[in-house]
Amino acid sequence: MNNDIFEKLKAIAVDQIGIDEELVKPESDIIKDLGLDSLDIVDMLMSVEEIFGVTIDDGDVAEMKTVADVVRFIENAKA
């Protein structure tokens, strides 16, 4: 897993959504562990698209359950 992408994603979660930094781990479930609701997820993914220059389709969102899933998506989208 790309640590740079993880750290940027973690910064988005902490700075924009206000999640405690200690909670953001690769295995963290976006909804269960981080407590994001649908609006938080949309905000985060819009930032991800802007910062990483990727496009996230609705079908892709459904497959993203953990922080590591989002990192893998970004890695694959940029490959």
Protein backbone atom coordinates (compact mmCIF):
# COMPACT_ATOMS: atom_id res chain seq x y z
CA MET A 1 0.00 0.00 0.00
CA ASN A 2 1.29 3.44 -0.95
CA ASN A 3 2.03 5.29 2.30
CA ASP A 4 2.00 8.75 0.65
CA ILE A 5 -1.54 8.19 -0.59
CA PHE A 6 -2.59 6.86 2.83
CA GLU A 7 -1.14 9.90 4.62
CA LYS A 8 -2.89 12.33 2.23
CA LEU A 9 -6.16 10.45 2.66
CA LYS A 10 -5.71 10.51 6.42
CA ALA A 11 -5.14 14.28 6.28
CA ILE A 12 -8.39 14.72 4.34
CA ALA A 13 -10.28 12.70 6.96
CA VAL A 14 -8.76 14.63 9.85
CA ASP A 15 -8.76 18.16 8.39
CA GLN A 16 -12.00 18.21 6.41
CA ILE A 17 -14.23 15.81 8.27
CA GLY A 18 -12.80 16.15 11.77
CA ILE A 19 -12.03 12.50 12.44
CA ASP A 20 -9.59 11.71 15.25
CA GLU A 21 -6.23 10.94 13.64
CA GLU A 22 -5.78 7.84 15.83
CA LEU A 23 -8.90 6.25 14.29
CA VAL A 24 -7.67 6.48 10.69
CA LYS A 25 -5.86 3.23 9.90
CA PRO A 26 -5.72 1.22 6.66
CA GLU A 27 -8.11 -1.39 8.09
CA SER A 28 -10.59 1.20 9.41
CA ASP A 29 -14.11 0.70 8.09
CA ILE A 30 -15.26 4.02 6.65
CA ILE A 31 -18.76 3.80 8.12
CA LYS A 32 -18.42 1.55 11.20
CA ASP A 33 -15.03 2.71 12.53
CA LEU A 34 -14.84 6.30 11.28
CA GLY A 35 -18.55 7.06 11.56
CA LEU A 36 -18.87 8.73 8.16
CA ASP A 37 -22.37 9.28 6.85
CA SER A 38 -23.23 9.55 3.16
CA LEU A 39 -22.60 13.31 3.07
CA ASP A 40 -19.17 12.88 4.70
CA ILE A 41 -18.30 10.18 2.19
CA VAL A 42 -19.31 12.38 -0.75
CA ASP A 43 -17.23 15.27 0.65
CA MET A 44 -14.22 13.04 1.17
CA LEU A 45 -14.45 11.47 -2.28
CA MET A 46 -14.81 14.88 -3.96
CA SER A 47 -11.57 15.90 -2.24
CA VAL A 48 -9.94 12.64 -3.31
CA GLU A 49 -10.92 13.30 -6.93
CA GLU A 50 -9.55 16.84 -6.78
CA ILE A 51 -6.30 16.07 -4.94
CA PHE A 52 -5.39 12.86 -6.76
CA GLY A 53 -6.84 13.68 -10.19
CA VAL A 54 -9.00 10.56 -10.36
CA THR A 55 -12.66 10.00 -11.19
CA ILE A 56 -14.74 7.87 -8.85
CA ASP A 57 -17.91 6.30 -10.22
CA ASP A 58 -20.87 5.23 -8.07
CA GLY A 59 -19.98 1.58 -8.67
CA ASP A 60 -16.47 2.22 -7.35
CA VAL A 61 -17.85 3.85 -4.20
CA ALA A 62 -19.89 0.76 -3.37
CA GLU A 63 -16.71 -1.33 -3.28
CA MET A 64 -14.84 1.01 -0.90
CA LYS A 65 -15.40 -0.28 2.62
CA THR A 66 -12.07 0.50 4.30
CA VAL A 67 -9.44 3.21 4.08
CA ALA A 68 -7.13 0.68 2.38
CA ASP A 69 -9.82 0.10 -0.30
CA VAL A 70 -9.74 3.82 -1.12
CA VAL A 71 -5.92 3.81 -1.25
CA ARG A 72 -5.95 0.79 -3.60
CA PHE A 73 -8.52 2.48 -5.83
CA ILE A 74 -6.34 5.59 -6.11
CA GLU A 75 -3.22 3.48 -6.81
CA ASN A 76 -5.03 1.58 -9.58
CA ALA A 77 -6.59 4.72 -11.05
CA LYS A 78 -3.22 6.42 -11.26
CA ALA A 79 -1.40 3.36 -12.68
